[in-house]
N, C-alpha and C. Protein backbone atom coordinates (compact mmCIF):
# COMPACT_ATOMS: atom_id res chain seq x y z
N UNK A 1 -30.95 12.85 -9.17
CA UNK A 1 -29.70 12.86 -8.15
C UNK A 1 -29.02 11.92 -8.82
N UNK A 2 -27.55 12.49 -8.99
CA UNK A 2 -26.11 11.18 -9.55
C UNK A 2 -26.27 9.86 -8.51
N UNK A 3 -25.77 9.21 -8.45
CA UNK A 3 -25.53 8.19 -7.60
C UNK A 3 -24.36 8.04 -6.43
N UNK A 4 -23.44 9.53 -6.62
CA UNK A 4 -22.92 9.78 -5.61
C UNK A 4 -23.85 10.72 -4.47
N UNK A 5 -24.57 11.81 -5.07
CA UNK A 5 -25.76 12.68 -4.39
C UNK A 5 -26.57 11.52 -3.57
N UNK A 6 -27.28 10.71 -4.33
CA UNK A 6 -28.16 9.64 -3.50
C UNK A 6 -27.35 8.74 -2.54
N UNK A 7 -26.28 8.41 -2.09
CA UNK A 7 -25.39 7.88 -1.64
C UNK A 7 -25.00 8.98 0.09
N UNK A 8 -24.85 10.23 -0.19
CA UNK A 8 -24.93 10.98 0.62
C UNK A 8 -26.35 11.38 1.11
N UNK A 9 -27.13 11.20 0.51
CA UNK A 9 -28.73 11.75 0.56
C UNK A 9 -28.94 10.54 1.62
N UNK A 10 -28.77 9.25 1.44
CA UNK A 10 -29.39 8.00 1.97
C UNK A 10 -28.15 7.90 3.19
N UNK A 11 -26.93 8.18 3.20
CA UNK A 11 -26.66 8.22 4.44
C UNK A 11 -26.68 9.10 5.22
N UNK A 12 -27.11 10.60 4.95
CA UNK A 12 -28.38 11.41 6.11
C UNK A 12 -29.15 10.62 6.86
N UNK A 13 -29.87 9.49 6.58
CA UNK A 13 -31.13 9.16 6.91
C UNK A 13 -30.19 8.26 8.56
N UNK A 14 -29.25 7.76 7.74
CA UNK A 14 -28.24 6.88 9.11
C UNK A 14 -27.80 7.80 10.17
N UNK A 15 -27.15 9.18 9.62
CA UNK A 15 -26.78 9.89 10.42
C UNK A 15 -27.85 10.55 11.61
N UNK A 16 -29.38 10.74 10.99
CA UNK A 16 -30.15 11.17 11.51
C UNK A 16 -31.09 10.38 12.50
N UNK A 17 -30.74 9.09 12.02
CA UNK A 17 -31.45 7.91 12.59
C UNK A 17 -30.37 7.97 14.39
N UNK A 18 -29.36 8.18 14.08
CA UNK A 18 -28.56 7.92 15.41
C UNK A 18 -28.51 9.18 15.92
N UNK A 19 -28.69 10.34 15.38
CA UNK A 19 -29.06 11.47 16.62
C UNK A 19 -29.87 11.42 17.52
N UNK A 20 -31.03 11.01 16.89
CA UNK A 20 -32.33 10.82 17.67
C UNK A 20 -32.44 10.18 18.90
N UNK A 21 -32.05 9.13 18.84
CA UNK A 21 -31.68 8.64 20.18
C UNK A 21 -30.94 8.80 21.54
N UNK A 22 -29.95 9.37 20.48
CA UNK A 22 -28.58 10.40 21.54
C UNK A 22 -29.83 11.52 22.30
N UNK A 23 -30.42 12.16 21.54
CA UNK A 23 -31.23 13.50 22.08
C UNK A 23 -32.57 12.89 23.09
N UNK A 24 -33.26 11.85 22.61
CA UNK A 24 -34.37 11.33 23.28
C UNK A 24 -33.94 10.50 24.32
N UNK A 25 -33.04 9.38 23.67
CA UNK A 25 -33.07 8.44 24.90
C UNK A 25 -31.45 7.74 24.93
N UNK A 26 -30.67 8.77 25.51
CA UNK A 26 -29.29 8.91 25.73
C UNK A 26 -28.75 7.56 26.57
N UNK A 27 -29.59 7.50 27.76
CA UNK A 27 -29.60 5.93 28.36
C UNK A 27 -29.52 5.06 27.92
N UNK A 28 -29.98 4.72 26.67
CA UNK A 28 -30.39 3.27 25.67
C UNK A 28 -29.02 3.18 25.22
N UNK A 29 -28.36 4.85 24.96
CA UNK A 29 -27.20 4.16 23.87
C UNK A 29 -25.79 3.91 25.10
N UNK A 30 -25.78 4.92 26.22
CA UNK A 30 -24.94 4.61 26.98
C UNK A 30 -24.83 2.70 27.57
N UNK A 31 -26.51 2.47 27.83
CA UNK A 31 -26.26 1.02 28.06
C UNK A 31 -25.87 0.13 27.36
N UNK A 32 -26.34 0.57 25.83
CA UNK A 32 -25.45 -0.65 24.62
C UNK A 32 -23.86 -0.22 25.22
N UNK A 33 -23.30 0.79 25.42
CA UNK A 33 -21.99 0.72 24.87
C UNK A 33 -21.53 0.46 26.37
N UNK A 34 -22.44 0.34 27.11
CA UNK A 34 -21.70 -0.39 28.57
C UNK A 34 -20.73 0.66 29.49
N UNK A 35 -21.54 1.97 29.12
CA UNK A 35 -20.77 3.17 29.86
C UNK A 35 -22.28 3.38 31.12
N UNK A 36 -21.79 3.81 32.71
CA UNK A 36 -22.52 4.11 33.69
C UNK A 36 -23.77 5.16 33.07
N UNK A 37 -24.94 5.19 33.46
CA UNK A 37 -25.90 5.89 33.04
C UNK A 37 -25.85 7.33 34.20
N UNK A 38 -24.76 8.08 34.13
CA UNK A 38 -25.07 9.41 34.76
C UNK A 38 -24.71 10.41 34.18
N UNK A 39 -24.72 11.38 34.06
CA UNK A 39 -24.29 12.62 33.22
C UNK A 39 -24.86 12.59 31.48
N UNK A 40 -26.23 12.56 31.66
CA UNK A 40 -26.84 12.47 30.28
C UNK A 40 -26.33 13.78 29.47
N UNK A 41 -26.20 14.95 30.41
CA UNK A 41 -26.54 15.88 29.01
C UNK A 41 -24.83 16.05 28.39
N UNK A 42 -23.99 15.56 28.39
CA UNK A 42 -23.25 15.67 27.24
C UNK A 42 -23.46 14.62 25.69
N UNK A 43 -24.34 13.86 26.07
CA UNK A 43 -24.75 12.60 24.86
C UNK A 43 -25.84 13.78 24.00
N UNK A 44 -26.60 14.12 24.89
CA UNK A 44 -27.90 15.22 24.61
C UNK A 44 -27.10 16.09 23.40
N UNK A 45 -26.12 16.67 24.17
CA UNK A 45 -25.63 17.97 23.39
C UNK A 45 -24.89 17.07 21.82
N UNK A 46 -24.23 16.12 22.09
CA UNK A 46 -23.76 15.60 20.63
C UNK A 46 -24.95 15.22 19.90
N UNK A 47 -25.67 14.11 20.66
CA UNK A 47 -26.72 14.13 19.65
C UNK A 47 -27.63 15.39 18.96
N UNK A 48 -27.33 16.48 19.47
CA UNK A 48 -28.10 17.92 18.91
C UNK A 48 -26.90 18.00 17.30
N UNK A 49 -25.81 17.93 17.82
CA UNK A 49 -24.39 17.97 16.74
C UNK A 49 -24.79 17.19 15.56
N UNK A 50 -24.74 15.88 15.84
CA UNK A 50 -24.75 14.36 14.79
C UNK A 50 -26.37 15.08 14.00
N UNK A 51 -27.50 15.45 15.01
CA UNK A 51 -28.81 15.55 13.94
C UNK A 51 -28.02 16.79 12.88
N UNK A 52 -27.74 17.76 13.45
CA UNK A 52 -27.26 19.06 12.52
C UNK A 52 -26.51 18.82 11.46
N UNK A 53 -25.50 17.91 11.40
CA UNK A 53 -24.78 17.04 10.46
C UNK A 53 -25.66 16.31 9.80
N UNK A 54 -26.29 15.59 9.91
CA UNK A 54 -27.33 14.57 9.41
C UNK A 54 -28.00 15.69 8.75
N UNK A 55 -28.70 16.42 8.68
CA UNK A 55 -29.08 18.00 7.96
C UNK A 55 -28.61 18.37 6.97
N UNK A 56 -27.54 18.55 7.08
CA UNK A 56 -26.63 19.10 6.07
C UNK A 56 -25.96 17.89 5.12
N UNK A 57 -25.99 16.38 5.61
CA UNK A 57 -25.92 15.39 4.62
C UNK A 57 -27.09 15.31 3.75
N UNK A 58 -28.19 15.49 4.19
CA UNK A 58 -29.73 15.39 3.75
C UNK A 58 -29.68 16.50 2.84
N UNK A 59 -29.48 18.02 3.01
CA UNK A 59 -29.32 18.90 1.95
C UNK A 59 -28.33 18.92 0.93
N UNK A 60 -27.06 19.01 1.42
CA UNK A 60 -26.12 18.57 0.71
C UNK A 60 -26.58 17.30 -0.48
N UNK A 61 -26.83 16.51 -0.19
CA UNK A 61 -27.42 15.46 -1.25
C UNK A 61 -28.11 16.00 -1.83
N UNK A 62 -29.23 16.15 -1.70
CA UNK A 62 -30.52 16.51 -2.28
C UNK A 62 -29.65 17.86 -3.45
N UNK A 63 -28.99 18.59 -2.96
CA UNK A 63 -28.20 19.39 -3.63
C UNK A 63 -27.07 19.14 -5.12
N UNK A 64 -26.92 17.88 -4.67
CA UNK A 64 -25.63 17.64 -5.26
C UNK A 64 -24.37 18.44 -5.51
N UNK A 65 -23.79 18.42 -4.50
CA UNK A 65 -23.01 19.13 -3.91
C UNK A 65 -21.31 18.53 -4.31
N UNK A 66 -20.91 18.25 -5.14
CA UNK A 66 -20.03 17.30 -5.54
C UNK A 66 -18.50 17.75 -4.47
N UNK A 67 -18.20 18.83 -4.41
CA UNK A 67 -17.02 19.06 -3.76
C UNK A 67 -17.10 18.51 -2.36
N UNK A 68 -18.38 18.63 -1.53
CA UNK A 68 -18.52 18.10 -0.70
C UNK A 68 -18.49 16.41 -0.34
N UNK A 69 -18.78 15.89 -1.19
CA UNK A 69 -19.10 14.69 -1.43
C UNK A 69 -17.80 14.31 -1.25
N UNK A 70 -16.38 14.86 -1.96
CA UNK A 70 -15.18 14.39 -2.20
C UNK A 70 -14.82 14.53 -0.79
N UNK A 71 -15.02 16.00 -0.05
CA UNK A 71 -14.26 15.72 1.21
C UNK A 71 -15.07 14.88 2.24
N UNK A 72 -16.45 14.74 1.75
CA UNK A 72 -16.66 13.29 3.05
C UNK A 72 -16.12 12.32 2.50
N UNK A 73 -15.81 11.75 1.57
CA UNK A 73 -15.47 10.37 1.41
C UNK A 73 -13.78 10.58 2.00
N UNK A 74 -13.19 12.07 1.88
CA UNK A 74 -11.61 11.94 2.39
C UNK A 74 -11.81 11.61 4.06
N UNK A 75 -12.90 12.16 4.39
CA UNK A 75 -12.76 12.08 6.01
C UNK A 75 -13.66 11.06 6.46
N UNK A 76 -14.65 10.53 5.92
CA UNK A 76 -15.03 9.39 6.36
C UNK A 76 -14.19 7.86 6.44
N UNK A 77 -13.58 8.18 5.22
CA UNK A 77 -12.73 7.06 5.11
C UNK A 77 -11.86 6.59 5.81
N UNK A 78 -11.55 7.30 6.79
CA UNK A 78 -10.65 7.70 7.61
C UNK A 78 -10.93 6.92 9.22
N UNK A 79 -12.21 7.11 9.16
CA UNK A 79 -13.09 6.10 10.44
C UNK A 79 -12.56 5.26 11.00
N UNK A 80 -12.34 4.14 10.02
CA UNK A 80 -11.78 2.54 10.58
C UNK A 80 -10.77 2.77 11.07
N UNK A 81 -9.51 2.76 10.58
CA UNK A 81 -8.29 3.05 10.81
C UNK A 81 -8.54 3.85 12.23
N UNK A 82 -8.47 5.00 12.33
CA UNK A 82 -8.70 6.02 13.60
C UNK A 82 -9.21 5.36 14.25
N UNK A 83 -10.47 4.84 14.61
CA UNK A 83 -10.94 3.64 15.58
C UNK A 83 -10.09 2.53 15.92
N UNK A 84 -9.58 2.09 15.30
CA UNK A 84 -8.54 0.79 14.99
C UNK A 84 -7.56 1.25 15.79
N UNK A 85 -7.09 2.38 15.82
CA UNK A 85 -5.97 2.94 16.47
C UNK A 85 -6.34 3.39 17.66
N UNK A 86 -7.26 3.98 18.26
CA UNK A 86 -7.93 4.29 19.77
C UNK A 86 -8.29 3.08 19.97
N UNK A 87 -8.43 2.29 19.69
CA UNK A 87 -8.79 0.98 20.28
C UNK A 87 -7.68 0.16 20.65
N UNK A 88 -6.43 0.25 20.08
CA UNK A 88 -5.30 -0.26 20.00
C UNK A 88 -4.20 0.78 21.24
N UNK A 89 -4.43 1.63 20.96
CA UNK A 89 -3.90 3.04 21.50
C UNK A 89 -4.42 2.94 23.09
N UNK A 90 -5.46 3.12 23.10
CA UNK A 90 -6.08 3.40 24.83
C UNK A 90 -6.78 2.33 25.02
N UNK A 91 -6.57 1.08 24.83
CA UNK A 91 -7.17 -0.30 25.28
C UNK A 91 -8.82 -0.22 25.25
N UNK A 92 -9.57 0.52 24.37
CA UNK A 92 -10.83 0.40 24.29
C UNK A 92 -11.66 -0.69 23.71
N UNK A 93 -13.03 -1.07 23.91
CA UNK A 93 -13.52 -1.91 23.51
C UNK A 93 -13.59 -2.21 22.29
N UNK A 94 -12.93 -3.41 21.74
CA UNK A 94 -12.79 -3.42 20.29
C UNK A 94 -14.47 -3.53 19.67
N UNK A 95 -15.30 -3.60 20.28
CA UNK A 95 -16.70 -3.75 19.76
C UNK A 95 -17.44 -2.71 19.44
N UNK A 96 -16.58 -1.10 19.67
CA UNK A 96 -16.49 -0.01 19.39
C UNK A 96 -17.03 0.22 17.64
N UNK A 97 -15.87 -0.52 16.83
CA UNK A 97 -15.57 -0.85 15.80
C UNK A 97 -17.10 -0.77 14.96
N UNK A 98 -18.33 -1.79 15.65
CA UNK A 98 -19.13 -1.74 14.78
C UNK A 98 -20.05 -0.80 14.88
N UNK A 99 -20.10 0.66 15.28
CA UNK A 99 -20.82 2.02 15.44
C UNK A 99 -19.80 2.36 14.03
N UNK A 100 -18.93 1.93 13.80
CA UNK A 100 -18.32 3.32 12.55
C UNK A 100 -18.23 2.29 10.90
N UNK A 101 -18.47 0.80 10.87
CA UNK A 101 -18.27 0.21 9.99
C UNK A 101 -19.45 0.71 9.14
N UNK A 102 -20.64 1.64 9.18
CA UNK A 102 -21.69 1.63 8.34
C UNK A 102 -21.13 3.23 8.00
N UNK A 103 -20.42 3.90 9.16
CA UNK A 103 -19.72 5.32 8.40
C UNK A 103 -18.44 4.96 7.07
N UNK A 104 -17.37 3.81 7.64
CA UNK A 104 -16.71 3.32 6.61
C UNK A 104 -17.30 3.09 5.09
N UNK A 105 -18.42 1.97 5.23
CA UNK A 105 -18.99 1.31 4.24
C UNK A 105 -19.94 2.48 3.05
N UNK A 106 -20.45 3.69 3.86
CA UNK A 106 -20.90 4.54 3.02
C UNK A 106 -19.92 5.55 2.41
N UNK A 107 -18.96 5.59 3.21
CA UNK A 107 -17.68 6.44 2.47
C UNK A 107 -17.70 5.72 1.46
N UNK A 108 -17.40 4.21 1.52
CA UNK A 108 -16.98 3.54 0.30
C UNK A 108 -17.80 3.24 -1.23
N UNK A 109 -19.08 3.55 -0.44
CA UNK A 109 -20.39 4.05 -1.45
C UNK A 109 -20.34 4.91 -2.19
N UNK A 110 -19.86 6.16 -1.51
CA UNK A 110 -19.96 7.05 -2.30
C UNK A 110 -18.92 7.78 -3.20
N UNK A 111 -17.39 6.61 -2.92
CA UNK A 111 -16.15 7.14 -2.84
C UNK A 111 -16.39 6.23 -4.68
N UNK A 112 -17.27 4.76 -4.33
CA UNK A 112 -17.19 4.43 -6.30
C UNK A 112 -18.10 5.02 -6.93
N UNK A 113 -19.33 5.89 -6.16
CA UNK A 113 -20.45 6.17 -7.19
C UNK A 113 -19.62 7.82 -8.01
N UNK A 114 -18.69 8.03 -7.15
CA UNK A 114 -18.01 9.57 -7.59
C UNK A 114 -16.98 8.97 -8.79
N UNK A 115 -16.30 7.53 -8.63
CA UNK A 115 -15.19 7.29 -9.45
C UNK A 115 -16.27 6.94 -10.48
N UNK A 116 -17.63 6.27 -10.94
CA UNK A 116 -17.99 6.08 -12.01
C UNK A 116 -18.53 7.17 -12.48
N UNK A 117 -18.90 8.62 -11.76
CA UNK A 117 -19.06 9.54 -12.03
C UNK A 117 -17.72 10.47 -12.89
N UNK A 118 -16.85 9.64 -12.82
CA UNK A 118 -15.32 10.58 -13.23
C UNK A 118 -15.08 11.04 -12.48
N UNK A 119 -15.16 11.55 -11.02
CA UNK A 119 -14.62 12.10 -10.22
C UNK A 119 -13.80 11.68 -9.26
N UNK A 120 -12.41 11.71 -8.78
CA UNK A 120 -11.59 11.21 -7.95
C UNK A 120 -11.64 11.96 -6.30
N UNK A 121 -11.97 11.36 -5.41
CA UNK A 121 -12.60 11.92 -4.21
C UNK A 121 -11.23 12.24 -3.66
N UNK A 122 -9.72 11.87 -4.02
CA UNK A 122 -8.29 12.49 -3.39
C UNK A 122 -7.73 13.31 -4.30
N UNK A 123 -8.40 13.86 -5.86
CA UNK A 123 -7.64 14.37 -6.66
C UNK A 123 -7.95 16.12 -5.98
N UNK A 124 -7.05 16.77 -6.67
CA UNK A 124 -6.95 18.18 -6.71
C UNK A 124 -8.48 19.03 -7.30
N UNK A 125 -9.19 18.54 -8.16
CA UNK A 125 -10.42 19.31 -8.57
C UNK A 125 -11.66 18.48 -8.59
């Protein structure tokens, strides 16, 4: 497995670990975020989507699909500035940043690994 593939593969475990409590213990997630514990269906549905994304990352990392690695960096690198904008524009709680930092750092890890492999995540090829 290449370094970039490993970064995606290992990131899948973070994604899967985030999805499991969303499905099995959504009230815990809502308590941590300071939301009222009611209407848990939506977070369970979202948890299933997160688990599916984790499954994709797991298998795409193992398969070494470089175009996916590039696309992943392109989108995941935006999560921090987008959340900062959301927090500022919609007056959201600043601690939400803590939930996207691992994703942003994972994107930097994959970007760095791709660069070492001679792949520009923002290039055309």
